[in-house]
Protein backbone atom coordinates (compact mmCIF):
# COMPACT_ATOMS: atom_id res chain seq x y z
CA UNK A 1 6.49 1.97 -2.36
CA UNK A 2 5.73 4.72 0.10
CA UNK A 3 2.50 4.49 2.05
CA UNK A 4 0.64 7.27 3.76
CA UNK A 5 0.11 6.84 7.47
CA UNK A 6 -2.65 8.25 9.58
CA UNK A 7 -0.79 11.50 10.14
CA UNK A 8 -0.51 12.14 6.44
CA UNK A 9 3.25 11.55 6.52
CA UNK A 10 4.81 9.05 4.19
CA UNK A 11 6.97 6.13 5.18
CA UNK A 12 9.23 4.77 2.48
CA UNK A 13 9.91 1.07 2.37
CA UNK A 14 13.60 0.73 1.54
CA UNK A 15 14.64 -1.87 -1.06
CA UNK A 16 15.36 -5.25 0.38
CA UNK A 17 16.40 -8.60 -0.95
CA UNK A 18 13.49 -10.42 -2.50
CA UNK A 19 11.33 -12.35 -0.09
CA UNK A 20 8.37 -14.50 -0.95
CA UNK A 21 6.46 -15.05 2.25
CA UNK A 22 3.00 -16.35 3.03
CA UNK A 23 1.48 -14.80 6.12
CA UNK A 24 -1.46 -15.81 8.22
CA UNK A 25 -4.29 -13.31 8.44
CA UNK A 26 -3.27 -12.53 12.03
CA UNK A 27 0.34 -11.87 11.02
CA UNK A 28 -0.83 -9.75 8.08
CA UNK A 29 -3.07 -7.61 10.25
CA UNK A 30 -0.24 -7.14 12.71
CA UNK A 31 2.18 -6.19 9.96
CA UNK A 32 -0.09 -3.69 8.26
CA UNK A 33 -1.65 -2.11 11.34
CA UNK A 34 -1.23 1.65 11.03
CA UNK A 35 0.01 1.55 7.43
CA UNK A 36 -3.22 2.63 5.77
CA UNK A 37 -4.78 6.02 6.12
CA UNK A 38 -7.13 6.18 9.04
CA UNK A 39 -9.16 9.33 8.93
CA UNK A 40 -10.97 10.35 12.04
CA UNK A 41 -12.38 13.78 12.54
CA UNK A 42 -13.52 14.35 16.08
CA UNK A 43 -14.48 17.42 17.99
CA UNK A 44 -13.40 17.47 21.59
CA UNK A 45 -13.98 20.01 24.24
CA UNK A 46 -14.33 20.55 27.90
CA UNK A 47 -17.37 19.75 29.94
CA UNK A 48 -19.64 21.65 27.62
CA UNK A 49 -20.65 24.78 29.41
CA UNK A 50 -23.98 26.31 28.60
CA UNK A 51 -24.95 29.90 28.95
CA UNK A 52 -28.24 31.56 29.58
CA UNK A 53 -29.05 35.23 29.50
CA UNK A 54 -31.71 36.82 31.62
CA UNK A 55 -33.84 39.68 30.53
CA UNK A 56 -31.92 41.83 32.96
CA UNK A 57 -28.67 41.50 31.02
CA UNK A 58 -27.68 44.86 29.59
CA UNK A 59 -27.94 45.03 25.76
CA UNK A 60 -24.25 46.00 25.39
CA UNK A 61 -23.11 43.03 27.47
CA UNK A 62 -25.42 40.70 25.57
CA UNK A 63 -24.03 41.98 22.25
CA UNK A 64 -20.46 41.43 23.43
CA UNK A 65 -21.32 37.94 24.60
CA UNK A 66 -22.83 37.08 21.21
CA UNK A 67 -20.01 38.65 19.21
CA UNK A 68 -17.04 37.43 21.22
CA UNK A 69 -18.47 34.21 22.62
CA UNK A 70 -21.13 32.57 20.51
CA UNK A 71 -20.09 33.75 17.04
CA UNK A 72 -16.47 32.42 17.16
CA UNK A 73 -17.74 29.12 18.56
CA UNK A 74 -20.30 28.85 15.78
CA UNK A 75 -17.74 29.65 13.07
CA UNK A 76 -15.23 27.17 14.50
CA UNK A 77 -17.88 24.46 14.64
CA UNK A 78 -19.04 25.17 11.09
CA UNK A 79 -15.48 25.09 9.78
CA UNK A 80 -14.74 21.83 11.57
CA UNK A 81 -17.89 20.23 10.15
CA UNK A 82 -17.00 21.39 6.63
CA UNK A 83 -13.51 19.93 6.93
CA UNK A 84 -14.95 16.69 8.27
CA UNK A 85 -17.43 16.41 5.40
CA UNK A 86 -14.69 17.08 2.85
CA UNK A 87 -12.33 14.52 4.34
CA UNK A 88 -15.03 11.87 4.64
CA UNK A 89 -16.20 12.42 1.07
CA UNK A 90 -12.65 11.93 -0.19
CA UNK A 91 -11.92 9.04 2.14
CA UNK A 92 -8.41 10.18 2.99
CA UNK A 93 -6.47 12.52 5.18
CA UNK A 94 -5.90 16.06 3.99
CA UNK A 95 -2.85 16.45 1.84
CA UNK A 96 -2.06 19.60 3.76
CA UNK A 97 -1.11 17.35 6.67
CA UNK A 98 1.73 15.91 4.64
CA UNK A 99 4.85 18.01 4.28
CA UNK A 100 6.10 15.66 1.59
CA UNK A 101 3.21 15.97 -0.85
CA UNK A 102 3.56 19.41 -2.35
CA UNK A 103 3.86 20.67 -5.89
CA UNK A 104 6.86 22.73 -4.77
CA UNK A 105 9.06 19.68 -4.31
CA UNK A 106 11.93 19.01 -6.65
CA UNK A 107 11.41 16.05 -8.95
CA UNK A 108 14.23 14.13 -7.32
CA UNK A 109 12.57 14.50 -3.92
CA UNK A 110 9.08 13.72 -5.17
CA UNK A 111 10.28 10.62 -7.00
CA UNK A 112 12.79 9.64 -4.32
CA UNK A 113 15.14 9.40 -7.26
CA UNK A 114 18.86 8.76 -7.14
CA UNK A 115 21.62 7.80 -9.55
CA UNK A 116 22.89 4.26 -9.12
CA UNK A 117 26.33 2.76 -9.67
CA UNK A 118 26.29 1.79 -13.31
CA UNK A 119 25.95 -1.92 -13.84
CA UNK A 120 24.56 -3.97 -16.66
CA UNK A 121 20.89 -4.57 -15.96
CA UNK A 122 20.41 -8.32 -15.43
CA UNK A 123 18.85 -9.82 -18.53
CA UNK A 124 15.76 -12.02 -18.47
CA UNK A 125 13.23 -13.45 -20.88
CA UNK A 126 9.49 -13.63 -20.19
CA UNK A 127 6.30 -13.27 -22.25
CA UNK A 128 4.29 -10.10 -22.76
CA UNK A 129 0.56 -9.38 -22.76
CA UNK A 130 0.32 -10.85 -26.25
CA UNK A 131 2.15 -14.06 -25.28
CA UNK A 132 5.24 -13.05 -27.23
CA UNK A 133 8.69 -13.79 -25.83
CA UNK A 134 10.47 -10.64 -24.78
CA UNK A 135 14.05 -10.28 -23.53
CA UNK A 136 15.25 -7.16 -21.78
CA UNK A 137 18.35 -7.21 -23.98
CA UNK A 138 16.24 -6.69 -27.10
CA UNK A 139 15.75 -3.05 -26.09
CA UNK A 140 19.41 -2.15 -26.55
CA UNK A 141 19.57 1.17 -28.33
CA UNK A 142 16.58 2.51 -26.34
CA UNK A 143 16.10 4.02 -22.91
CA UNK A 144 14.00 1.70 -20.77
CA UNK A 145 11.78 2.30 -17.77
CA UNK A 146 11.64 -0.99 -15.87
CA UNK A 147 8.89 -1.28 -13.25
CA UNK A 148 7.49 -4.10 -11.11
CA UNK A 149 3.72 -4.29 -10.97
CA UNK A 150 0.95 -6.53 -9.68
CA UNK A 151 -1.61 -7.54 -12.32
CA UNK A 152 -4.32 -7.42 -9.62
CA UNK A 153 -3.10 -4.27 -7.90
CA UNK A 154 -5.56 -1.57 -6.86
CA UNK A 155 -3.20 0.82 -5.07
CA UNK A 156 0.12 1.95 -6.52
CA UNK A 157 0.09 0.16 -9.90
CA UNK A 158 -2.94 1.95 -11.40
CA UNK A 159 -1.32 5.24 -10.38
CA UNK A 160 1.89 4.17 -12.10
CA UNK A 161 -0.08 3.31 -15.24
CA UNK A 162 -1.38 6.89 -15.40
CA UNK A 163 2.13 8.21 -14.82
CA UNK A 164 3.37 6.17 -17.80
CA UNK A 165 0.59 7.56 -19.99
CA UNK A 166 1.53 11.10 -18.97
CA UNK A 167 5.22 10.38 -19.53
CA UNK A 168 4.44 9.15 -23.04
CA UNK A 169 2.80 12.49 -23.84
CA UNK A 170 5.75 14.41 -22.40
CA UNK A 171 8.28 12.47 -24.45
CA UNK A 172 6.97 13.67 -27.78
CA UNK A 173 9.10 12.48 -30.70
CA UNK A 174 11.63 10.95 -28.30
CA UNK A 175 9.12 8.20 -27.50
CA UNK A 176 10.40 6.17 -30.46
CA UNK A 177 13.59 5.60 -28.53
CA UNK A 178 11.90 4.54 -25.28
CA UNK A 179 10.35 1.34 -23.94
CA UNK A 180 8.15 0.89 -20.88
CA UNK A 181 8.58 -2.56 -19.37
CA UNK A 182 6.60 -3.94 -16.45
CA UNK A 183 7.32 -7.22 -14.68
CA UNK A 184 4.44 -8.98 -12.96
CA UNK A 185 4.88 -9.65 -9.23
CA UNK A 186 1.67 -11.59 -8.58
CA UNK A 187 2.33 -15.35 -8.47
CA UNK A 188 -1.40 -16.10 -8.29
CA UNK A 189 -2.27 -13.96 -11.32
CA UNK A 190 0.68 -14.57 -13.61
CA UNK A 191 -1.21 -15.64 -16.72
CA UNK A 192 -1.00 -13.80 -20.00
CA UNK A 193 -4.72 -13.05 -19.66
CA UNK A 194 -4.10 -11.32 -16.31
CA UNK A 195 -1.44 -8.92 -17.61
CA UNK A 196 -3.44 -8.29 -20.77
CA UNK A 197 -6.50 -7.36 -18.72
CA UNK A 198 -4.51 -4.96 -16.53
CA UNK A 199 -3.03 -3.41 -19.68
CA UNK A 200 -6.47 -2.86 -21.18
CA UNK A 201 -8.26 -1.68 -18.02
CA UNK A 202 -5.67 1.00 -17.32
CA UNK A 203 -5.28 2.25 -20.86
CA UNK A 204 -1.75 0.97 -21.41
CA UNK A 205 -2.88 -0.82 -24.56
CA UNK A 206 -2.68 2.60 -26.23
CA UNK A 207 1.11 2.52 -25.81
CA UNK A 208 2.85 0.61 -28.58
CA UNK A 209 6.02 0.58 -26.52
CA UNK A 210 4.45 -0.99 -23.40
CA UNK A 211 5.38 -4.56 -22.42
CA UNK A 212 3.82 -6.19 -19.35
CA UNK A 213 5.88 -9.32 -18.83
CA UNK A 214 4.98 -12.46 -16.92
CA UNK A 215 5.79 -16.13 -16.69
CA UNK A 216 5.90 -19.12 -14.36
CA UNK A 217 6.88 -18.42 -10.77
CA UNK A 218 10.17 -20.24 -11.31
CA UNK A 219 11.05 -17.60 -13.92
CA UNK A 220 9.68 -14.58 -12.06
CA UNK A 221 11.42 -15.08 -8.71
CA UNK A 222 14.97 -14.82 -10.13
CA UNK A 223 14.00 -11.54 -11.83
CA UNK A 224 12.61 -10.09 -8.59
CA UNK A 225 15.73 -11.19 -6.75
CA UNK A 226 18.06 -9.70 -9.37
CA UNK A 227 16.46 -6.28 -8.95
CA UNK A 228 15.96 -6.33 -5.18
CA UNK A 229 12.17 -6.51 -5.34
CA UNK A 230 10.42 -7.62 -2.18
CA UNK A 231 7.19 -9.53 -2.72
CA UNK A 232 4.85 -10.56 0.08
CA UNK A 233 1.69 -12.52 -0.61
CA UNK A 234 -0.68 -12.40 2.36
CA UNK A 235 -2.65 -15.60 2.82
CA UNK A 236 -6.05 -15.33 1.19
CA UNK A 237 -5.22 -12.06 -0.59
CA UNK A 238 -5.66 -11.52 -4.31
CA UNK A 239 -2.81 -9.02 -4.53
CA UNK A 240 0.69 -8.69 -3.18
CA UNK A 241 2.57 -6.14 -1.16
CA UNK A 242 5.69 -5.36 -3.16
CA UNK A 243 8.51 -2.92 -3.74
CA UNK A 244 7.58 -0.27 -6.29
CA UNK A 245 11.00 0.54 -7.65
CA UNK A 246 11.52 1.95 -11.13
CA UNK A 247 14.80 1.49 -12.94
CA UNK A 248 15.90 3.83 -15.71
CA UNK A 249 18.21 2.02 -18.15
CA UNK A 250 20.36 3.63 -20.81
CA UNK A 251 20.58 2.41 -24.43
CA UNK A 252 23.57 0.22 -23.50
CA UNK A 253 21.37 -1.70 -21.07
CA UNK A 254 23.00 -0.22 -17.98
CA UNK A 255 21.20 1.09 -14.89
CA UNK A 256 21.28 4.88 -14.53
CA UNK A 257 18.59 5.99 -12.07
CA UNK A 258 16.34 4.43 -9.47
CA UNK A 259 12.98 5.85 -8.33
CA UNK A 260 10.58 4.76 -5.61
CA UNK A 261 6.93 5.43 -6.32
CA UNK A 262 4.55 7.17 -3.98
CA UNK A 263 0.92 6.45 -3.18
CA UNK A 264 -1.86 7.57 -0.87
CA UNK A 265 -4.58 5.14 0.06
CA UNK A 266 -8.26 5.71 0.58
CA UNK A 267 -10.24 3.97 3.29
CA UNK A 268 -11.24 1.24 0.82
CA UNK A 269 -7.58 0.48 0.08
CA UNK A 270 -7.48 1.90 -3.44
CA UNK A 271 -4.56 4.14 -4.30
CA UNK A 272 -4.46 7.62 -5.70
CA UNK A 273 -2.39 10.74 -6.13
CA UNK A 274 -3.68 14.25 -6.81
CA UNK A 275 -3.69 14.88 -10.55
CA UNK A 276 -0.99 17.55 -10.35
CA UNK A 277 1.41 15.09 -8.71
CA UNK A 278 0.60 12.36 -11.25
CA UNK A 279 1.43 14.86 -13.98
CA UNK A 280 4.69 15.83 -12.25
CA UNK A 281 5.63 12.16 -12.01
CA UNK A 282 4.88 11.78 -15.72
CA UNK A 283 7.06 14.78 -16.53
CA UNK A 284 9.80 13.43 -14.26
CA UNK A 285 9.76 9.98 -15.85
CA UNK A 286 10.04 11.59 -19.29
CA UNK A 287 12.88 13.85 -18.14
CA UNK A 288 14.98 11.07 -16.66
CA UNK A 289 14.33 8.75 -19.59
CA UNK A 290 15.78 11.49 -21.81
CA UNK A 291 18.79 11.73 -19.53
CA UNK A 292 19.20 7.96 -19.55
CA UNK A 293 18.99 8.00 -23.35
CA UNK A 294 22.04 10.27 -23.39
CA UNK A 295 24.07 7.68 -21.55
């Protein structure tokens, strides 16, 4: 997962071996300090000079003072206030501050996507949102997008859900040869009801090829470890901090591509991406699923 910092730049968390750690609130605050967007719009200046004009001031000089002195200051102040109001209403830093978030990026850059050394994707068996047993190996013959999501997530996972919906539209007839598989990373919300609710709330129940898998912690941890997913559960938190890697698997069940999702966070902690970038992610997921389907 890549988080936006206060400057608008994005810092990518590189994949690491799975860790399941409980942190105190103090440790958690120390760890996350500076990770979320902190928008502050302040106007600063010198000592605040004031000007007065006497009746004896010549009209031409007064006009020049107004035109070259007061008017630019007024326009600058008005512009700054407009920017401040816009930023506060959106609760996030301007995207223009981020050189990474542009529609001109290549898909591989936007998705932080790379090919991976082909290996057989480790198999596992869990249950889906309908409490049916599902094994990864049962999708042989199809291209698979494998993602790791928190059933209580309010930042990157809802954004990913929209990306999957967009990808489904982009796939067209090829969708019959594709499966979207999510693995739950929340040990405190690992019930079937939890993944079913997430599926319904975010519209993924409209996808017949969507499987949100979960199970007991003893079954989930080996899956996270096999795919290098880091999971941190802050003490007292309802949701985890976790790696947001996406694996693209070919019909032989072998890993082909790896992507790392991107998210901006509002002041309230919820995640979002501009709609044009969500759509580009959807198109990119569809494109690389097609490539994976070809071996």
